[in-house]
Amino acid sequence: MSKLPDFSSERIEVDLDAHAFNREAWEIGWGDGLPLLPPTPEVVARYIDAAGISADTVVCNVPPRFSDCTVENVAINAAMTGAPEAAMPLLIAALRAMGDGDFALSSVNSTTAPVVEGLIVNGPMRHELGLPMSHSVFGGMRSTAPAIGRTLRLIMRHVGGQEGGTTSQSVFGQPARVCGMVMGEWEEKSPWAPFAERRGVSGDAVTVIPMMGTANIVDTFADTADAILTMLARSIAYMGANAFLAVTRFSDFTIALNPVWATIVANEHPDITEVEQLIWQKAGLSLDEFPPVYAKSIAHRADEKGFVQLLQAPTDLNIIVCGSEGSLHSAMLPGFSHSLAVTRPVDTFGAAAQRPMLDKAQLEQAISGFSAGLVAEGYNVITTPLEGGRVSVEIQPIGDVCPTCLAPAQIMGPMAALAIRKAGIEIADSDVEMIYPAAAEIGH
């Protein structure tokens, strides 16, 4: 790094003494109550350099403020937590996953529930960053995980404007809303393919899951696959789960299997899809177990025997292998209504910015359904492939058509991205840049 980048963020002079800096940061409104490190230009520049992507690259849009989060923003917050510079690619990949419409970040950041992002990391990067995989995988090990997770939480606060009691209505919150939860899957002890690979991404990858927290599942007797799977299924199907809410159309659920239980299960069921199927079949409750008012609200989900499945399909189960070989315990990480896990590759060499440009004809075909409605209303839609696999969608009014009657860009962008994904093209919501008429940009 020969010179400092041209920062776009406002510079503020502060006292670099640790105690003095934290007093000033508190008065400014920075942070979460834990100590922060001063994000000096020289330090921030090192994080940007480690990202391998230009400082002004937009990583994702962060609600509830719906502010663009740039690589520079990520670097500033990482510098304040002391996360490893080598974690920058992971942080960027995680944010891109969180910005995907399937994760529903706006709901996650504003709900009354305690839901927060959890990161499951696969690939060699787990070892390079020293992420926990065995003992105390969810917290308690001396590792880089708390600083990495806390960086994401500060970004939600500083960039997105998430603040308990104002923009976030979470009734109880949870500890992971301060330091997050970052862990590696113990691939070396898993009898199945790595979790991310089963989701279509091999090598270094991160899966961001919506998690309400963690709950222990203990069984001191289980020594057969059937006993273990029954215990897991009946444990996750608790009556107060979000997945049982009458308004819930879909959700997912994560189960962490310790290596001993995973081996016992795999000896009888080497196909992980069979394991998912067996847990899914038993994960539910009889309609008559619910209070009458509640039973009435979810009666439409009951089968002919009055059994209500927790999840819509076996694929809604995320099964990972981690934790120590002490056996006895596994864990569940309950999901959140209308929010799903999203997996993204972790690019360690800035290759995310060098992804091949999408084919224009294929792109226009993919977005044709989205464009048709706008064209019918009198708008012209211009779709342009950009470097790094990104896309710009420009909307121009024709003639006297109202230029200010468009839905906000933060709504239209994810809709365009969804249309592209449905055509089989992998793209994140944050990879779609909406360009509006000048008169329509105000307030968006």
Protein backbone atom coordinates (compact mmCIF):
# COMPACT_ATOMS: atom_id res chain seq x y z
CA MET A 1 0.00 0.00 0.00
CA SER A 2 1.83 3.10 -1.26
CA LYS A 3 -0.66 5.78 -0.26
CA LEU A 4 -3.90 6.18 1.63
CA PRO A 5 -7.11 5.81 -0.41
CA ASP A 6 -9.42 8.76 -0.94
CA PHE A 7 -11.85 8.20 1.91
CA SER A 8 -15.47 9.26 1.46
CA SER A 9 -16.32 9.08 5.17
CA GLU A 10 -16.22 12.18 7.35
CA ARG A 11 -13.06 12.51 9.41
CA ILE A 12 -13.32 13.37 13.09
CA GLU A 13 -10.40 14.31 15.33
CA VAL A 14 -10.35 12.24 18.52
CA ASP A 15 -8.03 11.50 21.41
CA LEU A 16 -6.24 8.21 20.69
CA ASP A 17 -5.91 7.36 24.38
CA ALA A 18 -8.08 4.24 24.76
CA HIS A 19 -10.23 5.51 27.61
CA ALA A 20 -10.58 9.01 26.17
CA PHE A 21 -11.48 7.65 22.73
CA ASN A 22 -14.20 5.41 24.13
CA ARG A 23 -15.70 8.29 26.11
CA GLU A 24 -15.82 10.39 22.95
CA ALA A 25 -17.23 7.50 20.90
CA TRP A 26 -19.99 7.05 23.46
CA GLU A 27 -20.87 10.74 23.34
CA ILE A 28 -20.93 10.68 19.52
CA GLY A 29 -23.24 7.67 19.58
CA TRP A 30 -20.87 5.03 18.25
CA GLY A 31 -20.70 1.45 19.39
CA ASP A 32 -22.64 -0.98 21.51
CA GLY A 33 -21.26 -0.34 24.99
CA LEU A 34 -18.14 -2.49 24.62
CA PRO A 35 -14.75 -0.84 24.06
CA LEU A 36 -13.79 0.26 20.55
CA LEU A 37 -10.44 0.78 18.84
CA PRO A 38 -9.80 4.09 17.02
CA PRO A 39 -10.31 3.59 13.24
CA THR A 40 -7.37 5.73 12.13
CA PRO A 41 -6.85 6.28 8.37
CA GLU A 42 -3.74 4.10 8.29
CA VAL A 43 -5.49 1.18 9.98
CA VAL A 44 -8.65 1.46 7.86
CA ALA A 45 -6.50 1.54 4.72
CA ARG A 46 -4.96 -1.81 5.66
CA TYR A 47 -8.41 -3.38 5.95
CA ILE A 48 -9.44 -1.96 2.57
CA ASP A 49 -6.27 -3.33 1.04
CA ALA A 50 -7.03 -6.76 2.52
CA ALA A 51 -10.46 -6.74 0.89
CA GLY A 52 -9.01 -6.72 -2.60
CA ILE A 53 -11.89 -4.52 -3.76
CA SER A 54 -12.01 -0.73 -4.15
CA ALA A 55 -13.13 1.23 -1.10
CA ASP A 56 -16.22 2.69 -2.80
CA THR A 57 -17.63 -0.69 -3.87
CA VAL A 58 -21.16 -1.09 -2.51
CA VAL A 59 -21.43 -4.39 -0.69
CA CYS A 60 -25.12 -4.27 0.24
CA ASN A 61 -27.94 -1.99 1.29
CA VAL A 62 -28.59 -2.07 5.04
CA PRO A 63 -32.03 -1.47 6.55
CA PRO A 64 -33.73 0.03 8.47
CA ARG A 65 -31.97 3.18 7.24
CA PHE A 66 -31.49 1.55 3.81
CA SER A 67 -27.98 2.96 3.53
CA ASP A 68 -25.43 1.59 1.09
CA CYS A 69 -22.62 -0.20 2.90
CA THR A 70 -19.30 0.19 1.09
CA VAL A 71 -16.04 -1.66 1.55
CA GLU A 72 -14.81 1.46 3.35
CA ASN A 73 -17.69 1.18 5.84
CA VAL A 74 -16.86 -2.47 6.45
CA ALA A 75 -13.20 -1.58 6.99
CA ILE A 76 -13.99 1.19 9.49
CA ASN A 77 -16.17 -1.06 11.63
CA ALA A 78 -13.71 -3.96 11.42
CA ALA A 79 -10.94 -1.63 12.57
CA MET A 80 -13.04 -0.63 15.58
CA THR A 81 -13.56 -4.25 16.69
CA GLY A 82 -10.01 -5.40 15.95
CA ALA A 83 -11.23 -8.19 13.67
CA PRO A 84 -8.40 -9.71 11.58
CA GLU A 85 -7.69 -7.89 8.34
CA ALA A 86 -7.81 -11.32 6.66
CA ALA A 87 -11.50 -11.52 7.62
CA MET A 88 -12.48 -8.75 5.19
CA PRO A 89 -13.44 -11.15 2.35
CA LEU A 90 -15.55 -13.16 4.79
CA LEU A 91 -17.29 -10.04 6.09
CA ILE A 92 -18.02 -8.88 2.55
CA ALA A 93 -19.40 -12.26 1.53
CA ALA A 94 -21.55 -12.42 4.67
CA LEU A 95 -22.98 -8.96 4.03
CA ARG A 96 -23.77 -9.87 0.44
CA ALA A 97 -25.62 -12.92 1.73
CA MET A 98 -27.50 -10.82 4.29
CA GLY A 99 -28.46 -8.39 1.52
CA ASP A 100 -30.07 -11.19 -0.47
CA GLY A 101 -33.86 -10.99 -0.52
CA ASP A 102 -34.22 -14.55 0.79
CA PHE A 103 -32.64 -13.52 4.08
CA ALA A 104 -35.14 -10.66 4.51
CA LEU A 105 -32.74 -8.35 6.36
CA SER A 106 -35.30 -5.58 6.73
CA SER A 107 -37.58 -7.86 8.75
CA VAL A 108 -34.67 -9.35 10.70
CA ASN A 109 -33.44 -5.90 11.74
CA SER A 110 -36.81 -4.48 12.77
CA THR A 111 -38.89 -7.35 14.19
CA THR A 112 -40.06 -7.89 17.76
CA ALA A 113 -38.28 -11.28 17.67
CA PRO A 114 -34.67 -11.79 18.86
CA VAL A 115 -33.49 -13.05 15.45
CA VAL A 116 -29.94 -12.30 14.34
CA GLU A 117 -27.58 -13.50 11.63
CA GLY A 118 -25.43 -16.52 12.38
CA LEU A 119 -22.41 -17.37 10.19
CA ILE A 120 -21.45 -20.93 9.27
CA VAL A 121 -18.09 -20.98 7.50
CA ASN A 122 -16.76 -23.75 5.28
CA GLY A 123 -13.43 -24.28 3.53
CA PRO A 124 -9.77 -23.70 4.43
CA MET A 125 -10.57 -20.20 5.66
CA ARG A 126 -11.92 -21.72 8.89
CA HIS A 127 -8.38 -22.67 9.88
CA GLU A 128 -6.74 -19.53 8.52
CA LEU A 129 -8.99 -17.34 10.67
CA GLY A 130 -8.90 -19.67 13.66
CA LEU A 131 -12.67 -20.07 13.86
CA PRO A 132 -14.15 -22.39 16.50
CA MET A 133 -15.44 -25.73 15.23
CA SER A 134 -15.23 -28.10 18.19
CA HIS A 135 -15.40 -27.20 21.89
CA SER A 136 -17.62 -24.19 22.74
CA VAL A 137 -18.30 -23.59 19.06
CA PHE A 138 -21.14 -21.15 19.79
CA GLY A 139 -19.10 -19.07 22.21
CA GLY A 140 -16.50 -19.35 24.91
CA MET A 141 -13.41 -20.20 22.89
CA ARG A 142 -10.58 -17.69 22.53
CA SER A 143 -10.88 -16.95 18.82
CA THR A 144 -11.40 -14.30 16.18
CA ALA A 145 -15.12 -15.13 15.94
CA PRO A 146 -16.46 -12.52 18.42
CA ALA A 147 -14.62 -9.65 16.70
CA ILE A 148 -15.80 -10.78 13.25
CA GLY A 149 -19.38 -11.17 14.41
CA ARG A 150 -19.30 -7.88 16.28
CA THR A 151 -18.15 -6.11 13.11
CA LEU A 152 -21.36 -7.15 11.38
CA ARG A 153 -23.40 -6.02 14.36
CA LEU A 154 -21.72 -2.59 14.36
CA ILE A 155 -22.46 -2.27 10.64
CA MET A 156 -26.14 -2.97 11.32
CA ARG A 157 -25.99 -0.24 13.97
CA HIS A 158 -23.73 2.38 12.35
CA VAL A 159 -24.66 1.97 8.68
CA GLY A 160 -28.16 0.51 8.92
CA GLY A 161 -29.32 2.52 11.93
CA GLN A 162 -30.52 -0.51 13.92
CA GLU A 163 -31.16 0.64 17.47
CA GLY A 164 -33.07 -1.28 20.13
CA GLY A 165 -36.28 0.43 21.19
CA THR A 166 -36.42 2.70 18.14
CA THR A 167 -35.76 1.09 14.76
CA SER A 168 -35.55 -2.41 16.26
CA GLN A 169 -38.53 -3.59 18.26
CA SER A 170 -36.99 -6.83 19.56
CA VAL A 171 -38.70 -7.62 22.87
CA PHE A 172 -35.76 -9.43 24.45
CA GLY A 173 -32.88 -9.28 21.97
CA GLN A 174 -30.06 -11.75 22.60
CA PRO A 175 -26.29 -11.74 23.27
CA ALA A 176 -25.54 -12.47 19.60
CA ARG A 177 -26.99 -9.05 18.77
CA VAL A 178 -23.80 -7.66 20.30
CA CYS A 179 -21.04 -10.00 19.14
CA GLY A 180 -22.88 -12.06 16.56
CA MET A 181 -22.18 -15.76 16.18
CA VAL A 182 -19.48 -17.01 13.80
CA MET A 183 -18.40 -20.63 13.60
CA GLY A 184 -16.85 -23.13 11.29
CA GLU A 185 -18.33 -26.48 10.37
CA TRP A 186 -16.01 -29.29 11.49
CA GLU A 187 -15.76 -30.73 7.99
CA GLU A 188 -12.95 -33.10 8.93
CA LYS A 189 -15.26 -34.87 11.39
CA SER A 190 -18.39 -34.80 9.25
CA PRO A 191 -19.49 -38.00 7.50
CA TRP A 192 -21.23 -35.90 4.86
CA ALA A 193 -20.13 -33.31 2.33
CA PRO A 194 -19.50 -29.80 3.75
CA PHE A 195 -22.69 -27.85 4.43
CA ALA A 196 -21.99 -25.10 1.86
CA GLU A 197 -21.03 -27.67 -0.78
CA ARG A 198 -24.39 -29.38 -0.28
CA ARG A 199 -25.93 -25.97 -0.98
CA GLY A 200 -24.00 -25.58 -4.22
CA VAL A 201 -20.85 -23.69 -3.12
CA SER A 202 -17.56 -25.52 -2.62
CA GLY A 203 -14.34 -24.26 -1.04
CA ASP A 204 -14.34 -21.13 1.10
CA ALA A 205 -17.97 -20.20 1.69
CA VAL A 206 -20.24 -18.65 4.28
CA THR A 207 -23.86 -19.44 4.99
CA VAL A 208 -25.80 -16.79 6.86
CA ILE A 209 -28.69 -18.24 8.83
CA PRO A 210 -31.52 -16.42 10.61
CA MET A 211 -31.34 -17.66 14.22
CA MET A 212 -33.46 -16.91 17.26
CA GLY A 213 -30.69 -18.13 19.51
CA THR A 214 -29.38 -21.55 20.53
CA ALA A 215 -30.95 -24.29 22.62
CA ASN A 216 -29.29 -27.45 23.86
CA ILE A 217 -30.58 -30.94 23.04
CA VAL A 218 -29.25 -33.50 25.53
CA ASP A 219 -29.61 -37.27 25.39
CA THR A 220 -27.46 -39.53 27.56
CA PHE A 221 -28.95 -42.76 26.21
CA ALA A 222 -29.24 -42.40 22.43
CA ASP A 223 -26.97 -44.88 20.67
CA THR A 224 -28.93 -45.57 17.48
CA ALA A 225 -29.76 -43.38 14.52
CA ASP A 226 -33.50 -43.74 15.07
CA ALA A 227 -33.25 -42.68 18.72
CA ILE A 228 -31.09 -39.67 17.87
CA LEU A 229 -33.27 -38.51 14.97
CA THR A 230 -36.43 -38.88 17.04
CA MET A 231 -34.92 -36.83 19.85
CA LEU A 232 -33.87 -34.11 17.40
CA ALA A 233 -37.23 -34.02 15.62
CA ARG A 234 -39.31 -33.86 18.78
CA SER A 235 -37.02 -31.22 20.29
CA ILE A 236 -37.17 -28.75 17.42
CA ALA A 237 -40.96 -29.01 17.10
CA TYR A 238 -41.77 -26.92 20.16
CA MET A 239 -45.11 -25.14 20.24
CA GLY A 240 -43.71 -21.61 20.47
CA ALA A 241 -41.54 -21.90 17.37
CA ASN A 242 -41.98 -19.17 14.78
CA ALA A 243 -42.49 -21.87 12.18
CA PHE A 244 -45.80 -22.76 13.84
CA LEU A 245 -47.18 -19.21 13.61
CA ALA A 246 -50.38 -19.00 11.59
CA VAL A 247 -48.88 -16.23 9.41
CA THR A 248 -45.69 -18.17 8.63
CA ARG A 249 -45.64 -19.36 5.02
CA PHE A 250 -42.04 -20.58 5.13
CA SER A 251 -38.97 -20.66 7.35
CA ASP A 252 -35.98 -22.88 8.03
CA PHE A 253 -34.34 -24.45 11.06
CA THR A 254 -30.71 -25.30 11.82
CA ILE A 255 -29.52 -28.36 13.73
CA ALA A 256 -25.91 -28.71 14.92
CA LEU A 257 -24.92 -32.37 15.33
CA ASN A 258 -21.89 -33.29 17.39
CA PRO A 259 -19.42 -35.55 15.49
CA VAL A 260 -20.26 -38.66 17.54
CA TRP A 261 -23.99 -38.46 16.87
CA ALA A 262 -23.30 -37.58 13.21
CA THR A 263 -21.23 -40.74 12.80
CA ILE A 264 -23.88 -42.95 14.42
CA VAL A 265 -26.56 -41.47 12.16
CA ALA A 266 -24.46 -41.69 9.00
CA ASN A 267 -23.62 -45.35 9.63
CA GLU A 268 -27.30 -46.13 9.13
CA HIS A 269 -28.19 -43.23 6.82
CA PRO A 270 -25.19 -42.21 4.70
CA ASP A 271 -27.40 -40.00 2.50
CA ILE A 272 -27.95 -36.65 4.25
CA THR A 273 -31.19 -36.09 2.32
CA GLU A 274 -32.59 -39.22 3.96
CA VAL A 275 -31.62 -37.81 7.36
CA GLU A 276 -33.43 -34.55 6.55
CA GLN A 277 -36.50 -36.52 5.46
CA LEU A 278 -36.60 -38.63 8.63
CA ILE A 279 -36.29 -35.61 10.95
CA TRP A 280 -38.82 -33.62 8.95
CA GLN A 281 -41.43 -36.40 9.09
CA LYS A 282 -41.35 -36.50 12.89
CA ALA A 283 -40.89 -32.76 13.51
CA GLY A 284 -44.41 -31.62 14.22
CA LEU A 285 -47.30 -31.63 16.65
CA SER A 286 -50.82 -32.97 16.70
CA LEU A 287 -53.42 -30.28 16.15
CA ASP A 288 -55.18 -31.22 19.39
CA GLU A 289 -52.04 -30.35 21.38
CA PHE A 290 -52.48 -26.65 20.56
CA PRO A 291 -54.82 -24.34 22.49
CA PRO A 292 -58.19 -24.17 20.64
CA VAL A 293 -57.75 -20.65 19.25
CA TYR A 294 -54.28 -21.48 18.02
CA ALA A 295 -55.37 -24.83 16.59
CA LYS A 296 -58.07 -23.11 14.58
CA SER A 297 -55.56 -20.67 13.09
CA ILE A 298 -53.26 -23.41 11.76
CA ALA A 299 -55.83 -26.12 11.00
CA HIS A 300 -55.21 -25.63 7.28
CA ARG A 301 -51.70 -27.03 7.77
CA ALA A 302 -52.80 -30.30 9.37
CA ASP A 303 -52.78 -33.54 7.38
CA GLU A 304 -55.63 -36.06 7.36
CA LYS A 305 -54.47 -37.38 10.76
CA GLY A 306 -54.36 -33.90 12.29
CA PHE A 307 -50.55 -33.70 12.31
CA VAL A 308 -48.96 -30.29 11.70
CA GLN A 309 -45.43 -30.29 10.25
CA LEU A 310 -43.01 -27.74 11.68
CA LEU A 311 -41.48 -27.02 8.26
CA GLN A 312 -42.77 -27.03 4.72
CA ALA A 313 -40.14 -29.41 3.32
CA PRO A 314 -37.13 -31.52 4.41
CA THR A 315 -34.85 -29.09 2.57
CA ASP A 316 -35.82 -26.41 5.10
CA LEU A 317 -33.54 -28.19 7.59
CA ASN A 318 -29.93 -27.01 7.79
CA ILE A 319 -27.83 -29.81 9.30
CA ILE A 320 -24.23 -29.05 10.23
CA VAL A 321 -21.55 -30.97 12.13
CA CYS A 322 -19.62 -29.17 14.87
CA GLY A 323 -19.05 -29.22 18.61
CA SER A 324 -16.74 -31.46 20.57
CA GLU A 325 -16.57 -35.24 20.60
CA GLY A 326 -17.88 -35.34 24.14
CA SER A 327 -21.21 -36.45 22.64
CA LEU A 328 -24.33 -36.19 24.87
CA HIS A 329 -25.33 -32.83 23.37
CA SER A 330 -26.43 -31.39 20.08
CA ALA A 331 -28.13 -28.05 19.49
CA MET A 332 -30.90 -26.32 17.63
CA LEU A 333 -30.91 -22.82 16.19
CA PRO A 334 -34.55 -21.93 15.53
CA GLY A 335 -35.30 -19.95 12.40
CA PHE A 336 -37.45 -16.91 11.68
CA SER A 337 -40.63 -16.48 9.65
CA HIS A 338 -40.09 -15.72 5.96
CA SER A 339 -36.30 -15.64 6.27
CA LEU A 340 -34.02 -18.30 4.81
CA ALA A 341 -30.33 -19.22 4.97
CA VAL A 342 -28.22 -17.82 2.14
CA THR A 343 -24.83 -19.20 1.03
CA ARG A 344 -22.16 -17.19 -0.75
CA PRO A 345 -18.60 -17.99 -1.85
CA VAL A 346 -15.85 -16.16 0.04
CA ASP A 347 -13.50 -14.55 -2.45
CA THR A 348 -10.06 -14.11 -0.95
CA PHE A 349 -8.42 -12.36 -3.87
CA GLY A 350 -10.92 -9.71 -4.89
CA ALA A 351 -12.33 -12.02 -7.56
CA ALA A 352 -15.83 -10.93 -6.62
CA ALA A 353 -15.10 -7.70 -8.42
CA GLN A 354 -13.72 -9.67 -11.38
CA ARG A 355 -16.64 -12.02 -11.97
CA PRO A 356 -17.48 -12.25 -15.67
CA MET A 357 -19.93 -9.75 -17.06
CA LEU A 358 -23.37 -11.25 -17.62
CA ASP A 359 -24.61 -11.84 -21.17
CA LYS A 360 -26.88 -8.91 -22.13
CA ALA A 361 -29.37 -10.95 -24.17
CA GLN A 362 -29.68 -13.57 -21.44
CA LEU A 363 -30.06 -10.86 -18.82
CA GLU A 364 -32.79 -9.04 -20.74
CA GLN A 365 -34.66 -12.31 -21.18
CA ALA A 366 -34.36 -13.05 -17.47
CA ILE A 367 -35.74 -9.68 -16.43
CA SER A 368 -38.41 -9.48 -19.13
CA GLY A 369 -41.24 -10.34 -16.75
CA PHE A 370 -40.17 -7.61 -14.33
CA SER A 371 -39.80 -5.12 -17.19
CA ALA A 372 -43.15 -5.94 -18.79
CA GLY A 373 -45.20 -4.42 -15.99
CA LEU A 374 -43.21 -1.18 -16.08
CA VAL A 375 -43.40 -0.97 -19.88
CA ALA A 376 -47.17 -1.41 -19.70
CA GLU A 377 -47.30 1.59 -17.35
CA GLY A 378 -45.32 3.73 -19.78
CA TYR A 379 -41.74 3.32 -18.63
CA ASN A 380 -38.70 2.29 -20.61
CA VAL A 381 -36.43 -0.24 -18.87
CA ILE A 382 -32.75 -0.37 -19.83
CA THR A 383 -30.79 -3.30 -18.43
CA THR A 384 -26.99 -3.12 -18.59
CA PRO A 385 -24.47 -5.76 -17.46
CA LEU A 386 -21.66 -4.28 -15.35
CA GLU A 387 -18.24 -5.52 -14.35
CA GLY A 388 -18.06 -8.01 -11.51
CA GLY A 389 -21.33 -9.70 -12.45
CA ARG A 390 -23.38 -6.69 -11.36
CA VAL A 391 -26.33 -5.17 -13.22
CA SER A 392 -27.80 -1.71 -13.65
CA VAL A 393 -31.52 -1.31 -14.28
CA GLU A 394 -32.45 2.15 -15.50
CA ILE A 395 -36.11 3.18 -15.54
CA GLN A 396 -37.07 6.09 -17.79
CA PRO A 397 -40.57 7.59 -18.08
CA ILE A 398 -41.89 7.97 -21.61
CA GLY A 399 -43.71 11.17 -22.47
CA ASP A 400 -45.91 12.50 -19.68
CA VAL A 401 -45.64 9.43 -17.45
CA CYS A 402 -45.17 10.34 -13.78
CA PRO A 403 -41.44 10.15 -12.92
CA THR A 404 -42.09 10.16 -9.14
CA CYS A 405 -44.66 7.34 -9.01
CA LEU A 406 -42.15 4.52 -8.87
CA ALA A 407 -41.73 2.34 -5.80
CA PRO A 408 -38.50 3.06 -3.85
CA ALA A 409 -35.29 1.62 -5.26
CA GLN A 410 -34.80 -0.52 -2.15
CA ILE A 411 -38.02 -2.33 -3.10
CA MET A 412 -37.56 -2.45 -6.87
CA GLY A 413 -33.93 -3.61 -6.72
CA PRO A 414 -34.66 -6.86 -4.85
CA MET A 415 -37.65 -7.48 -7.14
CA ALA A 416 -35.40 -7.20 -10.19
CA ALA A 417 -32.78 -9.44 -8.57
CA LEU A 418 -35.43 -12.06 -7.76
CA ALA A 419 -36.57 -12.11 -11.40
CA ILE A 420 -32.98 -12.68 -12.51
CA ARG A 421 -32.44 -15.47 -9.98
CA LYS A 422 -35.61 -17.22 -11.09
CA ALA A 423 -34.02 -17.48 -14.53
CA GLY A 424 -31.15 -19.43 -13.01
CA ILE A 425 -28.63 -16.57 -12.83
CA GLU A 426 -26.86 -16.23 -9.46
CA ILE A 427 -27.05 -12.63 -8.30
CA ALA A 428 -27.47 -10.88 -4.96
CA ASP A 429 -29.92 -8.05 -4.35
CA SER A 430 -26.94 -5.78 -3.72
CA ASP A 431 -25.58 -6.59 -7.21
CA VAL A 432 -28.51 -4.75 -8.84
CA GLU A 433 -28.11 -0.98 -9.17
CA MET A 434 -31.38 0.87 -9.78
CA ILE A 435 -31.16 4.11 -11.77
CA TYR A 436 -34.20 6.34 -11.49
CA PRO A 437 -35.21 9.56 -13.28
CA ALA A 438 -33.73 12.56 -11.47
CA ALA A 439 -37.15 13.69 -10.28
CA ALA A 440 -37.87 10.29 -8.78
CA GLU A 441 -34.64 10.01 -6.80
CA ILE A 442 -35.80 12.37 -4.09
CA GLY A 443 -36.90 10.40 -1.06
CA HIS A 444 -35.54 7.12 -2.37
